[in-house]
Amino acid sequence: MDYSKFKILLVDDEDDILEFLGYNLEKEGFIIHTARNGKEAIEIAEKIIPNLILMDVMMPKMDGIEACEQIRKNPRLKNVLIAFLTARGEEYSQIAGFDAGGDDYITKPIKPKLLVSRVKALLKRYSADNSSQQEETMPGEDLIIDKERYLVILKGEKLVLPKKEFELLNLLYSRPEKVFTREDIFSQVWGDNIIVGDRTIDVHIRKLREKLGDNYIRTIKGVGYKFTY
């Protein structure tokens, strides 16, 4: 894969971290941009439309969680991947990051080779997602998934979901009445190489139900979830 076409926005208030990240990713051919707080990250992201944002959580002016929430509200940035890079490894911090619309959570310090590997894995999913985008409609149903525009249309109303919420819904929607185990969901939505907290799926399901209602996604206790209509 030619990584020279991928733009990565690095966001951290520590110059040495930005230098470390930028040096190791530029060696792999990535186009690197930097910001030093969440507010600046939003401004730069709107100008360059990066493929991936690697963002610290604790920053001045605007932290990473708030910045992620603002980015997810911007339709122009709907396909941007966001990975939190932070020293805070507690589960509650990870849940807050995913709840805000983050795609991955990388705990620092991290070795350069592992960092590059995680970034490449994220961008491979980005490429696969964007090459297979298409609209899927169930005739006569109230719910439409438009992969090309990353939209969910519910009873004529357009909903812009965070990337992982969209991918989770699309997975369940692709096989109505099929029960997807938690292991299936982790593997197909987050990938085998990404470690997330046990409550990550539950948080995303809860957010989907808040937006779609309780009728579409059913919990199969002790097993997983399924889409029904």
C-alpha atoms as a PDB file:
ATOM      1  CA  MET A   1       0.000   0.000   0.000  1.00  0.00           C
ATOM      2  CA  ASP A   2       1.250   3.484  -0.903  1.00  0.00           C
ATOM      3  CA  TYR A   3       1.147   5.414   2.370  1.00  0.00           C
ATOM      4  CA  SER A   4       2.347   8.664   0.780  1.00  0.00           C
ATOM      5  CA  LYS A   5      -1.266   9.532  -0.015  1.00  0.00           C
ATOM      6  CA  PHE A   6      -2.410   9.348   3.609  1.00  0.00           C
ATOM      7  CA  LYS A   7      -2.586  12.484   5.739  1.00  0.00           C
ATOM      8  CA  ILE A   8      -2.194  12.112   9.501  1.00  0.00           C
ATOM      9  CA  LEU A   9      -2.902  14.907  11.967  1.00  0.00           C
ATOM     10  CA  LEU A  10      -0.930  14.577  15.214  1.00  0.00           C
ATOM     11  CA  VAL A  11      -2.387  16.414  18.204  1.00  0.00           C
ATOM     12  CA  ASP A  12      -0.442  16.768  21.456  1.00  0.00           C
ATOM     13  CA  ASP A  13       0.622  19.653  23.691  1.00  0.00           C
ATOM     14  CA  GLU A  14       4.126  18.223  24.127  1.00  0.00           C
ATOM     15  CA  ASP A  15       6.605  19.059  21.368  1.00  0.00           C
ATOM     16  CA  ASP A  16       8.783  16.019  22.037  1.00  0.00           C
ATOM     17  CA  ILE A  17       5.789  13.714  21.527  1.00  0.00           C
ATOM     18  CA  LEU A  18       4.913  15.435  18.243  1.00  0.00           C
ATOM     19  CA  GLU A  19       8.529  15.122  17.117  1.00  0.00           C
ATOM     20  CA  PHE A  20       8.692  11.431  18.063  1.00  0.00           C
ATOM     21  CA  LEU A  21       5.430  10.580  16.317  1.00  0.00           C
ATOM     22  CA  GLY A  22       6.137  12.704  13.269  1.00  0.00           C
ATOM     23  CA  TYR A  23       9.636  11.320  12.758  1.00  0.00           C
ATOM     24  CA  ASN A  24       8.570   7.675  12.865  1.00  0.00           C
ATOM     25  CA  LEU A  25       5.497   8.128  10.676  1.00  0.00           C
ATOM     26  CA  GLU A  26       7.203  10.330   8.096  1.00  0.00           C
ATOM     27  CA  LYS A  27       9.816   7.579   7.660  1.00  0.00           C
ATOM     28  CA  GLU A  28       6.974   5.353   6.456  1.00  0.00           C
ATOM     29  CA  GLY A  29       5.906   7.952   3.887  1.00  0.00           C
ATOM     30  CA  PHE A  30       2.886   9.456   5.663  1.00  0.00           C
ATOM     31  CA  ILE A  31       2.032  13.145   5.215  1.00  0.00           C
ATOM     32  CA  ILE A  32       2.171  14.645   8.701  1.00  0.00           C
ATOM     33  CA  HIS A  33       0.431  17.712  10.123  1.00  0.00           C
ATOM     34  CA  THR A  34       0.488  18.789  13.774  1.00  0.00           C
ATOM     35  CA  ALA A  35      -1.668  20.661  16.284  1.00  0.00           C
ATOM     36  CA  ARG A  36      -1.107  21.431  19.976  1.00  0.00           C
ATOM     37  CA  ASN A  37      -4.645  21.398  21.353  1.00  0.00           C
ATOM     38  CA  GLY A  38      -8.138  20.265  20.446  1.00  0.00           C
ATOM     39  CA  LYS A  39      -9.288  23.640  19.159  1.00  0.00           C
ATOM     40  CA  GLU A  40      -6.345  23.925  16.789  1.00  0.00           C
ATOM     41  CA  ALA A  41      -6.890  20.299  15.711  1.00  0.00           C
ATOM     42  CA  ILE A  42     -10.463  21.062  14.598  1.00  0.00           C
ATOM     43  CA  GLU A  43      -9.340  24.096  12.596  1.00  0.00           C
ATOM     44  CA  ILE A  44      -6.559  22.190  10.826  1.00  0.00           C
ATOM     45  CA  ALA A  45      -8.711  19.105  10.224  1.00  0.00           C
ATOM     46  CA  GLU A  46     -11.325  21.215   8.439  1.00  0.00           C
ATOM     47  CA  LYS A  47      -8.632  22.564   6.104  1.00  0.00           C
ATOM     48  CA  ILE A  48      -6.719  19.386   5.260  1.00  0.00           C
ATOM     49  CA  ILE A  49      -9.368  16.618   5.783  1.00  0.00           C
ATOM     50  CA  PRO A  50      -6.915  14.049   7.207  1.00  0.00           C
ATOM     51  CA  ASN A  51      -7.349  10.317   6.899  1.00  0.00           C
ATOM     52  CA  LEU A  52      -6.363   9.766  10.527  1.00  0.00           C
ATOM     53  CA  ILE A  53      -6.086  11.913  13.655  1.00  0.00           C
ATOM     54  CA  LEU A  54      -3.809  10.709  16.470  1.00  0.00           C
ATOM     55  CA  MET A  55      -4.865  12.791  19.452  1.00  0.00           C
ATOM     56  CA  ASP A  56      -3.897  13.144  23.090  1.00  0.00           C
ATOM     57  CA  VAL A  57      -6.719  13.331  25.646  1.00  0.00           C
ATOM     58  CA  MET A  58      -5.384  15.802  28.225  1.00  0.00           C
ATOM     59  CA  MET A  59      -4.618  19.112  26.482  1.00  0.00           C
ATOM     60  CA  PRO A  60      -5.125  22.841  27.166  1.00  0.00           C
ATOM     61  CA  LYS A  61      -7.914  24.984  25.606  1.00  0.00           C
ATOM     62  CA  MET A  62      -9.867  21.910  24.465  1.00  0.00           C
ATOM     63  CA  ASP A  63      -9.173  18.295  25.421  1.00  0.00           C
ATOM     64  CA  GLY A  64      -9.214  15.361  23.021  1.00  0.00           C
ATOM     65  CA  ILE A  65     -12.634  14.063  24.051  1.00  0.00           C
ATOM     66  CA  GLU A  66     -14.375  17.377  23.357  1.00  0.00           C
ATOM     67  CA  ALA A  67     -12.447  17.830  20.122  1.00  0.00           C
ATOM     68  CA  CYS A  68     -13.498  14.359  18.961  1.00  0.00           C
ATOM     69  CA  GLU A  69     -17.140  15.136  19.713  1.00  0.00           C
ATOM     70  CA  GLN A  70     -16.937  18.344  17.684  1.00  0.00           C
ATOM     71  CA  ILE A  71     -15.245  16.600  14.768  1.00  0.00           C
ATOM     72  CA  ARG A  72     -17.920  13.900  14.706  1.00  0.00           C
ATOM     73  CA  LYS A  73     -20.581  16.598  14.261  1.00  0.00           C
ATOM     74  CA  ASN A  74     -18.895  17.895  11.106  1.00  0.00           C
ATOM     75  CA  PRO A  75     -20.201  16.116   7.954  1.00  0.00           C
ATOM     76  CA  ARG A  76     -17.014  17.031   6.051  1.00  0.00           C
ATOM     77  CA  LEU A  77     -14.995  14.971   8.548  1.00  0.00           C
ATOM     78  CA  LYS A  78     -17.338  11.994   8.782  1.00  0.00           C
ATOM     79  CA  ASN A  79     -14.827   9.501   7.354  1.00  0.00           C
ATOM     80  CA  VAL A  80     -11.833  10.645   9.409  1.00  0.00           C
ATOM     81  CA  LEU A  81     -10.432   7.990  11.728  1.00  0.00           C
ATOM     82  CA  ILE A  82      -9.656   9.173  15.267  1.00  0.00           C
ATOM     83  CA  ALA A  83      -7.289   7.310  17.593  1.00  0.00           C
ATOM     84  CA  PHE A  84      -6.583   8.571  21.098  1.00  0.00           C
ATOM     85  CA  LEU A  85      -2.931   8.438  22.087  1.00  0.00           C
ATOM     86  CA  THR A  86      -2.584   8.985  25.807  1.00  0.00           C
ATOM     87  CA  ALA A  87      -0.907   7.794  28.980  1.00  0.00           C
ATOM     88  CA  ARG A  88      -4.292   7.313  30.620  1.00  0.00           C
ATOM     89  CA  GLY A  89      -5.045   3.606  30.392  1.00  0.00           C
ATOM     90  CA  GLU A  90      -7.988   3.320  32.765  1.00  0.00           C
ATOM     91  CA  GLU A  91     -11.130   1.698  31.381  1.00  0.00           C
ATOM     92  CA  TYR A  92     -13.319   4.736  32.128  1.00  0.00           C
ATOM     93  CA  SER A  93     -11.041   6.889  29.976  1.00  0.00           C
ATOM     94  CA  GLN A  94     -11.245   4.414  27.121  1.00  0.00           C
ATOM     95  CA  ILE A  95     -15.034   4.296  27.361  1.00  0.00           C
ATOM     96  CA  ALA A  96     -15.182   8.099  27.270  1.00  0.00           C
ATOM     97  CA  GLY A  97     -13.027   8.071  24.144  1.00  0.00           C
ATOM     98  CA  PHE A  98     -15.141   5.508  22.318  1.00  0.00           C
ATOM     99  CA  ASP A  99     -18.330   7.164  23.511  1.00  0.00           C
ATOM    100  CA  ALA A 100     -17.141  10.409  21.912  1.00  0.00           C
ATOM    101  CA  GLY A 101     -16.704   8.628  18.571  1.00  0.00           C
ATOM    102  CA  GLY A 102     -13.098   7.446  18.688  1.00  0.00           C
ATOM    103  CA  ASP A 103     -11.996   4.489  16.562  1.00  0.00           C
ATOM    104  CA  ASP A 104      -9.035   3.268  18.583  1.00  0.00           C
ATOM    105  CA  TYR A 105      -7.217   3.894  21.849  1.00  0.00           C
ATOM    106  CA  ILE A 106      -3.427   3.649  22.026  1.00  0.00           C
ATOM    107  CA  THR A 107      -1.712   3.856  25.404  1.00  0.00           C
ATOM    108  CA  LYS A 108       1.681   5.575  25.536  1.00  0.00           C
ATOM    109  CA  PRO A 109       4.556   5.118  25.846  1.00  0.00           C
ATOM    110  CA  ILE A 110       4.493   2.979  22.708  1.00  0.00           C
ATOM    111  CA  LYS A 111       7.400   1.548  20.730  1.00  0.00           C
ATOM    112  CA  PRO A 112       7.847   2.993  17.217  1.00  0.00           C
ATOM    113  CA  LYS A 113       7.310  -0.301  15.376  1.00  0.00           C
ATOM    114  CA  LEU A 114       4.090  -1.004  17.266  1.00  0.00           C
ATOM    115  CA  LEU A 115       2.862   2.539  16.651  1.00  0.00           C
ATOM    116  CA  VAL A 116       3.463   2.231  12.916  1.00  0.00           C
ATOM    117  CA  SER A 117       1.793  -1.182  12.880  1.00  0.00           C
ATOM    118  CA  ARG A 118      -1.323   0.144  14.622  1.00  0.00           C
ATOM    119  CA  VAL A 119      -1.525   3.128  12.271  1.00  0.00           C
ATOM    120  CA  LYS A 120      -1.191   0.923   9.181  1.00  0.00           C
ATOM    121  CA  ALA A 121      -3.883  -1.433  10.477  1.00  0.00           C
ATOM    122  CA  LEU A 122      -6.252   1.493  10.959  1.00  0.00           C
ATOM    123  CA  LEU A 123      -5.585   2.889   7.502  1.00  0.00           C
ATOM    124  CA  LYS A 124      -6.041  -0.496   5.833  1.00  0.00           C
ATOM    125  CA  ARG A 125      -9.537  -0.603   7.322  1.00  0.00           C
ATOM    126  CA  TYR A 126     -10.073   2.966   6.134  1.00  0.00           C
ATOM    127  CA  SER A 127      -9.153   1.958   2.566  1.00  0.00           C
ATOM    128  CA  ALA A 128     -11.303  -1.165   2.661  1.00  0.00           C
ATOM    129  CA  ASP A 129     -14.292   0.755   4.006  1.00  0.00           C
ATOM    130  CA  ASN A 130     -14.078   3.484   1.381  1.00  0.00           C
ATOM    131  CA  SER A 131     -13.529   1.118  -1.554  1.00  0.00           C
ATOM    132  CA  SER A 132     -16.674  -0.854  -0.730  1.00  0.00           C
ATOM    133  CA  GLN A 133     -19.053   1.974   0.076  1.00  0.00           C
ATOM    134  CA  GLN A 134     -22.487   1.622  -1.464  1.00  0.00           C
ATOM    135  CA  GLU A 135     -26.083   2.166  -0.522  1.00  0.00           C
ATOM    136  CA  GLU A 136     -28.003  -0.743   0.965  1.00  0.00           C
ATOM    137  CA  THR A 137     -31.769  -0.579   1.252  1.00  0.00           C
ATOM    138  CA  MET A 138     -34.303  -3.064   2.467  1.00  0.00           C
ATOM    139  CA  PRO A 139     -37.378  -2.517   0.258  1.00  0.00           C
ATOM    140  CA  GLY A 140     -40.348  -1.305   2.244  1.00  0.00           C
ATOM    141  CA  GLU A 141     -38.310  -0.693   5.385  1.00  0.00           C
ATOM    142  CA  ASP A 142     -37.899   2.543   7.330  1.00  0.00           C
ATOM    143  CA  LEU A 143     -34.139   2.211   7.724  1.00  0.00           C
ATOM    144  CA  ILE A 144     -31.657   2.843   4.901  1.00  0.00           C
ATOM    145  CA  ILE A 145     -27.874   2.621   5.134  1.00  0.00           C
ATOM    146  CA  ASP A 146     -25.995   4.766   2.637  1.00  0.00           C
ATOM    147  CA  LYS A 147     -22.360   3.639   2.686  1.00  0.00           C
ATOM    148  CA  GLU A 148     -21.194   6.166   0.108  1.00  0.00           C
ATOM    149  CA  ARG A 149     -22.269   9.132   2.244  1.00  0.00           C
ATOM    150  CA  TYR A 150     -21.860   7.339   5.570  1.00  0.00           C
ATOM    151  CA  LEU A 151     -25.472   8.133   6.408  1.00  0.00           C
ATOM    152  CA  VAL A 152     -28.317   6.336   8.097  1.00  0.00           C
ATOM    153  CA  ILE A 153     -31.747   7.408   6.903  1.00  0.00           C
ATOM    154  CA  LEU A 154     -34.443   6.640   9.438  1.00  0.00           C
ATOM    155  CA  LYS A 155     -38.007   7.309   8.317  1.00  0.00           C
ATOM    156  CA  GLY A 156     -36.767   9.971   5.924  1.00  0.00           C
ATOM    157  CA  GLU A 157     -34.473  11.693   8.443  1.00  0.00           C
ATOM    158  CA  LYS A 158     -30.716  11.660   7.888  1.00  0.00           C
ATOM    159  CA  LEU A 159     -28.490  10.608  10.782  1.00  0.00           C
ATOM    160  CA  VAL A 160     -24.702  11.051  10.742  1.00  0.00           C
ATOM    161  CA  LEU A 161     -23.219   8.435  13.074  1.00  0.00           C
ATOM    162  CA  PRO A 162     -19.661   8.158  14.390  1.00  0.00           C
ATOM    163  CA  LYS A 163     -17.643   5.723  12.308  1.00  0.00           C
ATOM    164  CA  LYS A 164     -17.701   2.797  14.722  1.00  0.00           C
ATOM    165  CA  GLU A 165     -21.432   3.177  15.439  1.00  0.00           C
ATOM    166  CA  PHE A 166     -22.044   3.146  11.677  1.00  0.00           C
ATOM    167  CA  GLU A 167     -19.881   0.060  11.140  1.00  0.00           C
ATOM    168  CA  LEU A 168     -21.543  -1.791  14.008  1.00  0.00           C
ATOM    169  CA  LEU A 169     -25.031  -0.995  12.730  1.00  0.00           C
ATOM    170  CA  ASN A 170     -24.047  -1.913   9.185  1.00  0.00           C
ATOM    171  CA  LEU A 171     -22.713  -5.281  10.349  1.00  0.00           C
ATOM    172  CA  LEU A 172     -25.899  -6.164  12.204  1.00  0.00           C
ATOM    173  CA  TYR A 173     -28.067  -4.780   9.381  1.00  0.00           C
ATOM    174  CA  SER A 174     -26.247  -6.874   6.760  1.00  0.00           C
ATOM    175  CA  ARG A 175     -27.715 -10.118   8.174  1.00  0.00           C
ATOM    176  CA  PRO A 176     -31.163  -9.487   9.703  1.00  0.00           C
ATOM    177  CA  GLU A 177     -32.067 -11.915  12.496  1.00  0.00           C
ATOM    178  CA  LYS A 178     -28.547 -13.363  12.563  1.00  0.00           C
ATOM    179  CA  VAL A 179     -27.091 -13.293  16.059  1.00  0.00           C
ATOM    180  CA  PHE A 180     -23.580 -11.815  16.042  1.00  0.00           C
ATOM    181  CA  THR A 181     -21.496 -12.886  19.013  1.00  0.00           C
ATOM    182  CA  ARG A 182     -19.419 -10.303  20.846  1.00  0.00           C
ATOM    183  CA  GLU A 183     -16.322 -11.983  19.403  1.00  0.00           C
ATOM    184  CA  ASP A 184     -17.718 -11.598  15.859  1.00  0.00           C
ATOM    185  CA  ILE A 185     -18.402  -7.912  16.451  1.00  0.00           C
ATOM    186  CA  PHE A 186     -14.985  -7.185  17.947  1.00  0.00           C
ATOM    187  CA  SER A 187     -13.254  -8.953  15.060  1.00  0.00           C
ATOM    188  CA  GLN A 188     -15.275  -7.406  12.215  1.00  0.00           C
ATOM    189  CA  VAL A 189     -15.710  -3.879  13.564  1.00  0.00           C
ATOM    190  CA  TRP A 190     -12.561  -3.248  15.601  1.00  0.00           C
ATOM    191  CA  GLY A 191     -10.173  -5.825  14.166  1.00  0.00           C
ATOM    192  CA  ASP A 192      -8.228  -8.620  15.818  1.00  0.00           C
ATOM    193  CA  ASN A 193      -5.155  -6.456  16.386  1.00  0.00           C
ATOM    194  CA  ILE A 194      -6.955  -3.781  18.402  1.00  0.00           C
ATOM    195  CA  ILE A 195      -7.558  -4.195  22.126  1.00  0.00           C
ATOM    196  CA  VAL A 196     -10.640  -2.482  23.524  1.00  0.00           C
ATOM    197  CA  GLY A 197     -12.453  -2.618  26.858  1.00  0.00           C
ATOM    198  CA  ASP A 198     -15.160  -5.177  27.551  1.00  0.00           C
ATOM    199  CA  ARG A 199     -17.860  -2.504  27.693  1.00  0.00           C
ATOM    200  CA  THR A 200     -17.009  -0.969  24.336  1.00  0.00           C
ATOM    201  CA  ILE A 201     -19.735  -2.830  22.416  1.00  0.00           C
ATOM    202  CA  ASP A 202     -22.320  -2.075  25.096  1.00  0.00           C
ATOM    203  CA  VAL A 203     -21.542   1.643  24.912  1.00  0.00           C
ATOM    204  CA  HIS A 204     -21.940   1.677  21.121  1.00  0.00           C
ATOM    205  CA  ILE A 205     -25.170  -0.342  21.230  1.00  0.00           C
ATOM    206  CA  ARG A 206     -26.593   2.057  23.814  1.00  0.00           C
ATOM    207  CA  LYS A 207     -25.733   5.057  21.630  1.00  0.00           C
ATOM    208  CA  LEU A 208     -27.349   3.424  18.596  1.00  0.00           C
ATOM    209  CA  ARG A 209     -30.533   2.707  20.508  1.00  0.00           C
ATOM    210  CA  GLU A 210     -30.669   6.300  21.687  1.00  0.00           C
ATOM    211  CA  LYS A 211     -30.679   7.415  18.051  1.00  0.00           C
ATOM    212  CA  LEU A 212     -32.678   4.651  16.357  1.00  0.00           C
ATOM    213  CA  GLY A 213     -35.011   3.549  19.123  1.00  0.00           C
ATOM    214  CA  ASP A 214     -35.186   0.172  20.827  1.00  0.00           C
ATOM    215  CA  ASN A 215     -36.950  -1.740  18.045  1.00  0.00           C
ATOM    216  CA  TYR A 216     -34.068  -2.570  15.710  1.00  0.00           C
ATOM    217  CA  ILE A 217     -31.290  -4.037  17.841  1.00  0.00           C
ATOM    218  CA  ARG A 218     -32.043  -6.938  20.154  1.00  0.00           C
ATOM    219  CA  THR A 219     -29.824  -8.306  22.893  1.00  0.00           C
ATOM    220  CA  ILE A 220     -29.389 -12.067  23.059  1.00  0.00           C
ATOM    221  CA  LYS A 221     -28.261 -12.582  26.643  1.00  0.00           C
ATOM    222  CA  GLY A 222     -24.952 -14.322  27.021  1.00  0.00           C
ATOM    223  CA  VAL A 223     -24.394 -14.400  23.251  1.00  0.00           C
ATOM    224  CA  GLY A 224     -24.495 -11.055  21.440  1.00  0.00           C
ATOM    225  CA  TYR A 225     -26.805  -8.893  19.342  1.00  0.00           C
ATOM    226  CA  LYS A 226     -28.989  -9.076  16.233  1.00  0.00           C
ATOM    227  CA  PHE A 227     -30.844  -6.701  13.921  1.00  0.00           C
ATOM    228  CA  THR A 228     -34.563  -7.166  13.555  1.00  0.00           C
ATOM    229  CA  TYR A 229     -37.368  -5.324  11.771  1.00  0.00           C
END
